[in-house]
Amino acid sequence: MTLIKSISGIRGTVGGRPGDNLTPLDIVKFVSAYATWLKTGAGKKRAKIVLGRDARISGDMYAKLVEATLSGLGHDVVNIGLATTPTTEIAVTAEQADGGIILTASHNPKQWNALKLLNNRGEFLSAEDGAQVLQMAEQESFEYAEVDELGTITCKDYTDYHIQHVLDLKLVNREAIAKSNLKVVVDAVNSVGGTVIPALLKALGVKEVVELNCDPTGHFAHNPEPIPENLTQISEKIKECGADLGIVVDPDVDRLALVCENGEMFVEEYTLVAVADYVLKHTPGNTVSNLSSSRALRDVTLAHGQQYNAAAVGEVNVVTKMKETNTVIGGEGNGGVIYPESHYGRDALVGVGLFLSHFVAEGKSMTALKATYPQYFISKNKLTLSPDMDVDKILEGLKEKYASEEITDIDGVKIDFKDGWVHLRKSNTEPIIRIYSESKDEAAANRLAEEVIKVAKSLY
């Protein structure tokens, strides 16, 4: 069974039996629930809904189903076609729409797809609103429109709008970027970023853009999660062509990973750290990241004399904490930059504009820039869940075992030691427990993870 319903949307593999996987029948069911929620929960008898999708092979088929279902419930659809997740979010507010749907399974392989649901601010639904949608789907309490009340379909393209939006941000310095004569390699894993990121770089004045896997076929050239083991091709290409840096995005372009001039990873965690450093130099204020993100953001924030806060994992949770604490920059350590000056959503385009402005202002190589930040190493592990595993029992047992350490349990269990931390939580997107640990070097981070994993295994 690979149908996962969570705060991150409705996600599953294509094909199989309804209710087990993300089949066409499930698409219609959950879209009908969302459209019904707009009518009852949001009080919109006839709503305008923006629809965007990444380049997954199943995307076109599912987009047609979504269009027809929304129209069948009497809602009007603005279909923006191949579009990044942040582009779709921005389009919701630009259209003054009542909601939005993004067809993307983010970093998951090509057999996956998902429905990501937005409110009228272009932000993901809250846990409460999402629960209402899931309840309506379970009850199948839908009433479709009569023939004279069917919704309309309008097609638009918001890519250029989004690029101009980035160029218009006060802290994006196009003039300085253009003067720096940068050579940048882009790996967009054969999804929508292959169209958008090169276009953005050229609009920013980047002198030379070298494209890898930029044809948006949906046949991903490698595992689409932008982590080091999946990025050997761009690493070699950077060294081969003497580029200043590399830019990698996931299929829906809300995560940004950077590669140094020597082919080494800048590391996803440090995307947000570097961008935050730049923003804080110009705009004093607080920062937020999730519990699984590096301590480096906290350290940089404190160095600027500002306050850092941690949120539960999940973009909705990070955004909520950002709004509560008047945050000027935040996001997640997976390369997700959220810049309120733009909008409350992870946005790799905004991340590119801010990072390149920072990079050229500093006048250092990528490796030299990375060396200016507090050096930590995060070890990422996981335990695959089986039906008989009691996750709550495991987490409670860990809290008891490490009661003498600093414990945070707003999202799974995070254990803060003097020399590092370990965070265990059930994934929102896969049937696993994610186990992240961080310390000053790889060996220390791995030792922390191994110790806690050993204890966790003894509890089931």
Protein backbone atom coordinates (compact mmCIF):
# COMPACT_ATOMS: atom_id res chain seq x y z
CA MET A 1 0.00 0.00 0.00
CA THR A 2 1.63 3.24 -1.14
CA LEU A 3 -1.12 5.85 -0.69
CA ILE A 4 -0.02 8.34 1.97
CA LYS A 5 -2.36 11.05 3.26
CA SER A 6 -0.62 13.69 5.37
CA ILE A 7 0.04 17.38 6.00
CA SER A 8 2.17 17.25 2.83
CA GLY A 9 -0.74 16.20 0.59
CA ILE A 10 -2.05 12.96 -0.90
CA ARG A 11 0.85 10.99 -2.33
CA GLY A 12 1.16 7.56 -3.91
CA THR A 13 2.44 5.45 -6.76
CA VAL A 14 0.69 5.36 -10.12
CA GLY A 15 -1.41 2.31 -10.97
CA GLY A 16 -2.73 -0.57 -8.90
CA ARG A 17 -5.95 -0.75 -6.95
CA PRO A 18 -8.01 2.26 -5.82
CA GLY A 19 -7.40 3.08 -2.18
CA ASP A 20 -4.01 1.37 -2.24
CA ASN A 21 -2.19 3.58 -4.74
CA LEU A 22 -2.80 6.97 -6.37
CA THR A 23 -5.12 5.75 -9.11
CA PRO A 24 -7.31 7.91 -11.39
CA LEU A 25 -10.25 7.05 -9.14
CA ASP A 26 -8.35 8.36 -6.11
CA ILE A 27 -7.49 11.58 -7.96
CA VAL A 28 -11.16 12.22 -8.66
CA LYS A 29 -12.14 11.35 -5.10
CA PHE A 30 -9.64 13.62 -3.34
CA VAL A 31 -10.06 16.50 -5.79
CA SER A 32 -13.83 16.23 -5.32
CA ALA A 33 -13.29 16.41 -1.56
CA TYR A 34 -11.07 19.50 -1.88
CA ALA A 35 -13.57 21.21 -4.20
CA THR A 36 -16.42 20.36 -1.82
CA TRP A 37 -14.39 21.74 1.11
CA LEU A 38 -13.99 25.02 -0.81
CA LYS A 39 -17.77 25.20 -1.09
CA THR A 40 -18.58 24.29 2.51
CA GLY A 41 -15.49 25.13 4.58
CA ALA A 42 -14.33 28.18 2.63
CA GLY A 43 -17.85 29.20 1.57
CA LYS A 44 -17.11 29.38 -2.16
CA LYS A 45 -20.04 28.22 -4.26
CA ARG A 46 -18.09 28.87 -7.47
CA ALA A 47 -14.35 29.09 -6.83
CA LYS A 48 -11.36 29.89 -9.01
CA ILE A 49 -8.61 27.28 -8.63
CA VAL A 50 -5.10 27.36 -10.10
CA LEU A 51 -3.67 24.06 -11.39
CA GLY A 52 0.03 23.44 -12.03
CA ARG A 53 2.16 20.33 -12.43
CA ASP A 54 5.72 19.13 -12.72
CA ALA A 55 6.92 17.09 -15.71
CA ARG A 56 6.13 13.62 -14.38
CA ILE A 57 4.93 11.14 -16.98
CA SER A 58 1.58 10.77 -15.16
CA GLY A 59 1.14 14.54 -14.83
CA ASP A 60 -0.75 15.23 -18.05
CA MET A 61 -3.23 12.41 -17.46
CA TYR A 62 -3.87 13.46 -13.88
CA ALA A 63 -4.14 17.16 -14.82
CA LYS A 64 -6.97 16.35 -17.22
CA LEU A 65 -8.76 14.43 -14.46
CA VAL A 66 -8.31 17.33 -12.03
CA GLU A 67 -9.61 19.85 -14.59
CA ALA A 68 -12.69 17.78 -15.35
CA THR A 69 -13.43 17.06 -11.70
CA LEU A 70 -13.20 20.71 -10.63
CA SER A 71 -15.32 21.78 -13.57
CA GLY A 72 -17.81 19.05 -12.71
CA LEU A 73 -18.20 20.53 -9.25
CA GLY A 74 -18.87 23.98 -10.72
CA HIS A 75 -15.44 25.57 -10.13
CA ASP A 76 -13.37 27.53 -12.65
CA VAL A 77 -9.83 26.33 -13.37
CA VAL A 78 -6.77 28.37 -14.37
CA ASN A 79 -4.43 25.71 -15.75
CA ILE A 80 -0.85 27.04 -15.80
CA GLY A 81 0.53 23.77 -17.20
CA LEU A 82 4.14 22.83 -16.52
CA ALA A 83 4.96 24.99 -13.53
CA THR A 84 7.04 24.83 -10.39
CA THR A 85 5.38 24.49 -7.01
CA PRO A 86 6.32 28.07 -6.02
CA THR A 87 5.11 29.36 -9.40
CA THR A 88 1.73 27.81 -8.73
CA GLU A 89 1.67 29.34 -5.24
CA ILE A 90 2.42 32.79 -6.64
CA ALA A 91 -0.17 32.34 -9.39
CA VAL A 92 -2.89 31.75 -6.77
CA THR A 93 -2.41 35.21 -5.31
CA ALA A 94 -1.82 36.85 -8.71
CA GLU A 95 -5.10 35.41 -9.95
CA GLN A 96 -6.84 36.26 -6.68
CA ALA A 97 -7.90 32.64 -6.75
CA ASP A 98 -9.60 30.71 -3.96
CA GLY A 99 -7.15 27.83 -3.98
CA GLY A 100 -4.70 25.80 -5.97
CA ILE A 101 -3.64 22.24 -6.76
CA ILE A 102 -0.11 21.16 -7.61
CA LEU A 103 0.49 17.76 -9.18
CA THR A 104 3.94 16.73 -7.96
CA ALA A 105 5.55 14.16 -5.70
CA SER A 106 8.52 16.44 -5.05
CA HIS A 107 11.72 14.39 -4.69
CA ASN A 108 10.07 10.96 -5.10
CA PRO A 109 10.92 8.81 -8.16
CA LYS A 110 8.87 8.95 -11.36
CA GLN A 111 6.34 6.25 -10.37
CA TRP A 112 5.05 8.59 -7.66
CA ASN A 113 2.70 11.55 -7.95
CA ALA A 114 0.72 13.62 -5.49
CA LEU A 115 -1.92 16.26 -4.93
CA LYS A 116 -0.64 19.30 -3.02
CA LEU A 117 -3.52 21.50 -1.95
CA LEU A 118 -3.35 25.29 -1.47
CA ASN A 119 -5.56 27.88 0.20
CA ASN A 120 -6.36 31.35 -1.15
CA ARG A 121 -2.98 32.69 0.05
CA GLY A 122 -1.12 30.18 -2.10
CA GLU A 123 -0.04 28.30 1.03
CA PHE A 124 -0.52 24.65 1.94
CA LEU A 125 -3.67 23.79 3.83
CA SER A 126 -3.44 23.76 7.61
CA ALA A 127 -3.63 20.42 9.42
CA GLU A 128 -7.22 21.24 10.44
CA ASP A 129 -8.34 22.11 6.90
CA GLY A 130 -6.51 19.11 5.48
CA ALA A 131 -8.26 16.83 7.96
CA GLN A 132 -11.63 18.19 6.80
CA VAL A 133 -10.75 17.42 3.19
CA LEU A 134 -9.73 13.86 4.10
CA GLN A 135 -12.95 13.38 6.07
CA MET A 136 -15.02 14.53 3.08
CA ALA A 137 -13.08 12.13 0.86
CA GLU A 138 -13.78 9.28 3.26
CA GLN A 139 -17.52 10.10 3.33
CA GLU A 140 -17.64 10.78 -0.44
CA SER A 141 -20.10 13.56 0.31
CA PHE A 142 -19.88 15.24 -3.09
CA GLU A 143 -22.59 16.92 -5.12
CA TYR A 144 -21.66 17.70 -8.72
CA ALA A 145 -22.91 20.67 -10.73
CA GLU A 146 -25.75 20.56 -13.21
CA VAL A 147 -24.98 21.16 -16.86
CA ASP A 148 -25.53 24.92 -16.87
CA GLU A 149 -23.30 25.35 -13.80
CA LEU A 150 -20.17 23.51 -14.97
CA GLY A 151 -16.93 25.36 -14.41
CA THR A 152 -14.68 26.86 -17.08
CA ILE A 153 -11.08 26.06 -18.03
CA THR A 154 -8.55 28.81 -18.82
CA CYS A 155 -4.91 28.16 -19.77
CA LYS A 156 -2.10 30.57 -18.80
CA ASP A 157 1.69 30.51 -18.34
CA TYR A 158 3.17 32.03 -15.19
CA THR A 159 6.85 31.23 -15.69
CA ASP A 160 7.86 34.69 -16.94
CA TYR A 161 5.76 36.29 -14.21
CA HIS A 162 7.62 34.33 -11.54
CA ILE A 163 11.03 35.17 -13.02
CA GLN A 164 10.17 38.87 -13.09
CA HIS A 165 8.95 38.58 -9.51
CA VAL A 166 12.42 37.33 -8.47
CA LEU A 167 14.16 40.10 -10.44
CA ASP A 168 12.01 42.69 -8.66
CA LEU A 169 13.04 41.60 -5.15
CA LYS A 170 15.08 44.36 -3.48
CA LEU A 171 17.90 42.06 -2.35
CA VAL A 172 18.35 40.41 -5.77
CA ASN A 173 21.24 42.30 -7.38
CA ARG A 174 21.00 41.55 -11.10
CA GLU A 175 23.58 44.20 -12.00
CA ALA A 176 26.25 42.69 -9.75
CA ILE A 177 25.49 39.16 -10.96
CA ALA A 178 25.78 40.24 -14.60
CA LYS A 179 29.14 41.93 -13.97
CA SER A 180 30.61 38.80 -12.41
CA ASN A 181 30.70 36.76 -15.65
CA LEU A 182 29.54 33.59 -13.93
CA LYS A 183 29.53 30.14 -15.46
CA VAL A 184 26.87 27.95 -13.86
CA VAL A 185 25.95 24.29 -14.45
CA VAL A 186 22.28 23.34 -13.91
CA ASP A 187 20.88 19.85 -13.26
CA ALA A 188 17.07 19.92 -13.32
CA VAL A 189 16.53 16.12 -13.37
CA ASN A 190 14.39 16.29 -16.56
CA SER A 191 11.52 18.15 -14.93
CA VAL A 192 10.07 21.65 -15.05
CA GLY A 193 13.19 23.22 -13.55
CA GLY A 194 14.94 22.49 -16.84
CA THR A 195 12.88 25.23 -18.44
CA VAL A 196 12.64 27.66 -15.54
CA ILE A 197 16.11 27.72 -13.94
CA PRO A 198 18.15 28.36 -17.13
CA ALA A 199 15.67 31.10 -18.08
CA LEU A 200 16.02 32.67 -14.64
CA LEU A 201 19.82 32.55 -14.76
CA LYS A 202 19.88 34.24 -18.16
CA ALA A 203 17.47 36.90 -16.90
CA LEU A 204 19.80 37.47 -13.95
CA GLY A 205 22.67 38.09 -16.37
CA VAL A 206 24.64 34.88 -15.81
CA LYS A 207 27.18 34.81 -18.62
CA GLU A 208 27.17 31.07 -19.37
CA VAL A 209 24.63 28.40 -18.41
CA VAL A 210 25.57 24.75 -18.93
CA GLU A 211 22.48 22.54 -18.94
CA LEU A 212 22.32 18.95 -17.67
CA ASN A 213 19.08 16.94 -17.71
CA CYS A 214 17.06 20.04 -18.57
CA ASP A 215 14.67 18.49 -21.11
CA PRO A 216 11.38 18.20 -19.12
CA THR A 217 10.49 14.65 -20.25
CA GLY A 218 9.65 13.29 -16.80
CA HIS A 219 12.12 10.45 -17.33
CA PHE A 220 14.40 11.39 -14.45
CA ALA A 221 18.07 10.92 -15.33
CA HIS A 222 18.87 9.88 -11.76
CA ASN A 223 17.15 9.61 -8.40
CA PRO A 224 15.53 13.05 -8.18
CA GLU A 225 16.32 13.79 -4.53
CA PRO A 226 19.14 16.39 -4.65
CA ILE A 227 21.55 14.68 -2.23
CA PRO A 228 25.28 13.98 -2.83
CA GLU A 229 25.05 10.35 -3.97
CA ASN A 230 22.65 11.39 -6.77
CA LEU A 231 24.75 14.31 -8.04
CA THR A 232 27.93 12.71 -9.41
CA GLN A 233 27.19 13.80 -12.99
CA ILE A 234 27.01 17.51 -12.24
CA SER A 235 30.03 17.23 -9.96
CA GLU A 236 32.14 15.93 -12.84
CA LYS A 237 30.69 18.44 -15.31
CA ILE A 238 31.60 21.41 -13.09
CA LYS A 239 35.23 20.31 -12.90
CA GLU A 240 35.32 19.49 -16.60
CA CYS A 241 34.09 22.90 -17.78
CA GLY A 242 35.59 25.07 -15.04
CA ALA A 243 32.26 26.41 -13.76
CA ASP A 244 31.95 28.67 -10.73
CA LEU A 245 29.20 26.57 -9.22
CA GLY A 246 26.39 24.13 -9.87
CA ILE A 247 22.66 24.46 -9.21
CA VAL A 248 20.43 21.45 -8.63
CA VAL A 249 16.66 21.45 -8.11
CA ASP A 250 14.14 18.72 -7.42
CA PRO A 251 11.27 17.96 -9.85
CA ASP A 252 8.93 20.70 -8.53
CA VAL A 253 11.71 23.25 -7.86
CA ASP A 254 11.04 24.07 -4.23
CA ARG A 255 14.40 22.66 -3.07
CA LEU A 256 17.77 24.15 -4.02
CA ALA A 257 21.10 22.34 -3.74
CA LEU A 258 24.45 23.91 -4.66
CA VAL A 259 27.72 22.38 -5.81
CA CYS A 260 31.16 23.96 -5.36
CA GLU A 261 33.69 24.76 -8.08
CA ASN A 262 35.73 21.65 -7.20
CA GLY A 263 32.73 19.34 -7.56
CA GLU A 264 32.14 18.99 -3.82
CA MET A 265 28.70 19.57 -2.35
CA PHE A 266 27.98 22.94 -0.75
CA VAL A 267 25.50 20.74 1.15
CA GLU A 268 21.73 21.31 1.09
CA GLU A 269 21.70 22.41 4.73
CA TYR A 270 23.93 25.37 3.88
CA THR A 271 21.67 26.71 1.12
CA LEU A 272 19.40 28.24 3.77
CA VAL A 273 22.35 29.16 6.01
CA ALA A 274 24.07 31.19 3.26
CA VAL A 275 20.86 32.86 2.08
CA ALA A 276 19.94 33.72 5.67
CA ASP A 277 23.40 35.23 6.23
CA TYR A 278 22.84 37.48 3.20
CA VAL A 279 19.31 38.50 4.19
CA LEU A 280 20.29 39.20 7.82
CA LYS A 281 23.13 41.47 6.70
CA HIS A 282 20.55 43.69 5.02
CA THR A 283 17.35 43.00 6.99
CA PRO A 284 17.65 42.38 10.74
CA GLY A 285 15.08 39.91 12.02
CA ASN A 286 14.41 36.40 13.25
CA THR A 287 14.90 33.05 11.52
CA VAL A 288 13.11 29.70 11.63
CA SER A 289 13.94 26.21 10.42
CA ASN A 290 12.59 22.79 11.30
CA LEU A 291 13.89 20.47 14.02
CA SER A 292 15.83 18.36 11.50
CA SER A 293 17.82 21.31 10.18
CA SER A 294 21.40 22.22 11.00
CA ARG A 295 22.50 24.18 14.07
CA ALA A 296 24.45 26.35 11.64
CA LEU A 297 21.39 28.53 10.99
CA ARG A 298 21.00 29.14 14.72
CA ASP A 299 24.69 30.04 15.01
CA VAL A 300 24.59 32.49 12.07
CA THR A 301 21.38 34.06 13.36
CA LEU A 302 22.87 34.61 16.83
CA ALA A 303 26.03 36.04 15.26
CA HIS A 304 23.82 38.71 13.67
CA GLY A 305 22.26 39.43 17.07
CA GLN A 306 18.88 37.97 16.09
CA GLN A 307 16.65 35.18 17.42
CA TYR A 308 16.33 31.65 16.03
CA ASN A 309 13.28 29.40 16.51
CA ALA A 310 12.64 25.77 15.58
CA ALA A 311 9.41 24.36 14.13
CA ALA A 312 8.05 20.89 13.53
CA VAL A 313 8.99 19.37 10.18
CA GLY A 314 6.71 20.32 7.30
CA GLU A 315 6.36 23.53 5.34
CA VAL A 316 3.02 24.37 6.99
CA ASN A 317 4.60 24.15 10.44
CA VAL A 318 7.62 26.25 9.45
CA VAL A 319 5.42 28.94 7.89
CA THR A 320 3.19 29.05 10.98
CA LYS A 321 6.22 29.55 13.25
CA MET A 322 7.64 32.18 10.87
CA LYS A 323 4.43 34.20 11.07
CA GLU A 324 4.31 33.86 14.86
CA THR A 325 7.89 35.13 15.31
CA ASN A 326 8.09 37.90 12.69
CA THR A 327 10.73 36.01 10.72
CA VAL A 328 12.60 37.64 7.81
CA ILE A 329 14.03 34.39 6.40
CA GLY A 330 13.36 30.74 7.12
CA GLY A 331 12.87 27.35 5.60
CA GLU A 332 14.08 23.79 5.85
CA GLY A 333 17.50 22.19 5.75
CA ASN A 334 16.61 20.24 2.62
CA GLY A 335 17.39 23.31 0.53
CA GLY A 336 13.97 24.89 1.05
CA VAL A 337 14.22 28.69 1.28
CA ILE A 338 11.14 30.63 2.45
CA TYR A 339 11.44 34.40 2.03
CA PRO A 340 8.37 36.30 3.29
CA GLU A 341 9.27 39.35 1.20
CA SER A 342 8.36 37.13 -1.75
CA HIS A 343 5.78 34.66 -0.39
CA TYR A 344 5.38 32.01 2.30
CA GLY A 345 6.53 28.98 0.33
CA ARG A 346 9.78 27.15 -0.39
CA ASP A 347 11.08 28.64 -3.60
CA ALA A 348 14.26 27.60 -5.40
CA LEU A 349 13.96 30.53 -7.84
CA VAL A 350 14.00 33.03 -4.99
CA GLY A 351 16.81 31.01 -3.43
CA VAL A 352 18.88 31.27 -6.61
CA GLY A 353 18.38 35.03 -6.88
CA LEU A 354 19.33 35.67 -3.25
CA PHE A 355 22.24 33.22 -3.17
CA LEU A 356 23.88 34.50 -6.35
CA SER A 357 23.55 38.07 -5.05
CA HIS A 358 25.31 36.95 -1.86
CA PHE A 359 27.93 34.93 -3.75
CA VAL A 360 29.06 37.78 -5.99
CA ALA A 361 28.97 40.27 -3.09
CA GLU A 362 31.30 38.08 -1.04
CA GLY A 363 33.74 37.64 -3.93
CA LYS A 364 34.86 34.20 -2.71
CA SER A 365 34.86 30.78 -4.31
CA MET A 366 32.11 28.41 -3.26
CA THR A 367 34.49 26.37 -1.09
CA ALA A 368 35.86 29.52 0.56
CA LEU A 369 32.33 30.80 1.22
CA LYS A 370 31.27 27.48 2.75
CA ALA A 371 34.33 27.59 5.05
CA THR A 372 33.11 30.86 6.59
CA TYR A 373 30.11 29.10 8.19
CA PRO A 374 29.99 26.92 11.32
CA GLN A 375 30.97 23.44 10.20
CA TYR A 376 28.57 20.63 11.06
CA PHE A 377 27.82 17.28 9.47
CA ILE A 378 24.36 15.73 9.30
CA SER A 379 23.95 11.97 9.01
CA LYS A 380 20.62 10.93 7.48
CA ASN A 381 19.31 7.44 8.19
CA LYS A 382 15.97 5.70 8.23
CA LEU A 383 14.11 2.68 9.59
CA THR A 384 11.57 1.08 7.26
CA LEU A 385 8.24 0.61 9.01
CA SER A 386 6.51 -2.73 9.17
CA PRO A 387 2.82 -3.16 10.11
CA ASP A 388 3.67 -4.53 13.58
CA MET A 389 5.93 -1.62 14.60
CA ASP A 390 4.56 0.64 17.35
CA VAL A 391 6.24 3.96 16.50
CA ASP A 392 4.79 5.77 19.52
CA LYS A 393 6.15 3.10 21.86
CA ILE A 394 9.61 3.42 20.32
CA LEU A 395 9.62 7.21 20.67
CA GLU A 396 8.35 7.11 24.26
CA GLY A 397 11.04 4.59 25.11
CA LEU A 398 13.71 6.88 23.68
CA LYS A 399 12.40 9.81 25.74
CA GLU A 400 12.74 7.70 28.89
CA LYS A 401 16.21 6.44 27.95
CA TYR A 402 17.56 9.95 27.30
CA ALA A 403 15.53 11.84 29.91
CA SER A 404 18.71 13.49 31.23
CA GLU A 405 19.29 15.24 27.87
CA GLU A 406 17.31 18.12 26.34
CA ILE A 407 14.23 16.56 24.71
CA THR A 408 11.87 18.20 22.19
CA ASP A 409 8.73 16.24 21.28
CA ILE A 410 6.65 18.62 19.16
CA ASP A 411 7.49 16.41 16.16
CA GLY A 412 8.71 12.93 16.96
CA VAL A 413 11.61 13.06 19.40
CA LYS A 414 14.69 15.27 19.18
CA ILE A 415 17.51 14.60 21.64
CA ASP A 416 19.97 17.47 22.05
CA PHE A 417 23.36 16.43 23.36
CA LYS A 418 26.18 18.84 24.19
CA ASP A 419 28.10 17.88 21.04
CA GLY A 420 25.19 17.26 18.66
CA TRP A 421 21.62 16.04 18.28
CA VAL A 422 19.48 13.18 16.96
CA HIS A 423 15.95 13.64 15.62
CA LEU A 424 13.60 10.71 15.00
CA ARG A 425 10.21 11.20 13.38
CA LYS A 426 7.75 9.31 11.22
CA SER A 427 7.94 10.57 7.64
CA ASN A 428 4.98 12.46 6.15
CA THR A 429 5.76 11.15 2.68
CA GLU A 430 7.16 7.60 3.03
CA PRO A 431 6.54 4.56 5.31
CA ILE A 432 9.73 5.11 7.32
CA ILE A 433 11.10 6.67 10.48
CA ARG A 434 13.62 9.35 9.52
CA ILE A 435 16.64 9.55 11.80
CA TYR A 436 18.81 12.66 11.43
CA SER A 437 21.86 13.29 13.57
CA GLU A 438 24.32 16.19 13.58
CA SER A 439 27.73 16.81 15.09
CA LYS A 440 31.01 18.53 14.29
CA ASP A 441 32.20 15.82 11.88
CA GLU A 442 30.91 12.78 10.02
CA ALA A 443 32.29 10.20 12.42
CA ALA A 444 30.73 11.89 15.46
CA ALA A 445 27.36 12.30 13.72
CA ASN A 446 27.37 8.64 12.70
CA ARG A 447 28.25 7.54 16.23
CA LEU A 448 25.31 9.48 17.64
CA ALA A 449 22.97 7.98 15.04
CA GLU A 450 24.23 4.43 15.58
CA GLU A 451 23.82 4.69 19.33
CA VAL A 452 20.23 5.93 19.14
CA ILE A 453 19.27 3.53 16.32
CA LYS A 454 20.56 0.63 18.44
CA VAL A 455 18.37 1.75 21.35
CA ALA A 456 15.37 2.26 19.01
CA LYS A 457 15.71 -1.27 17.59
CA SER A 458 15.76 -2.70 21.11
CA LEU A 459 12.33 -1.17 21.70
CA TYR A 460 10.44 -3.10 18.99
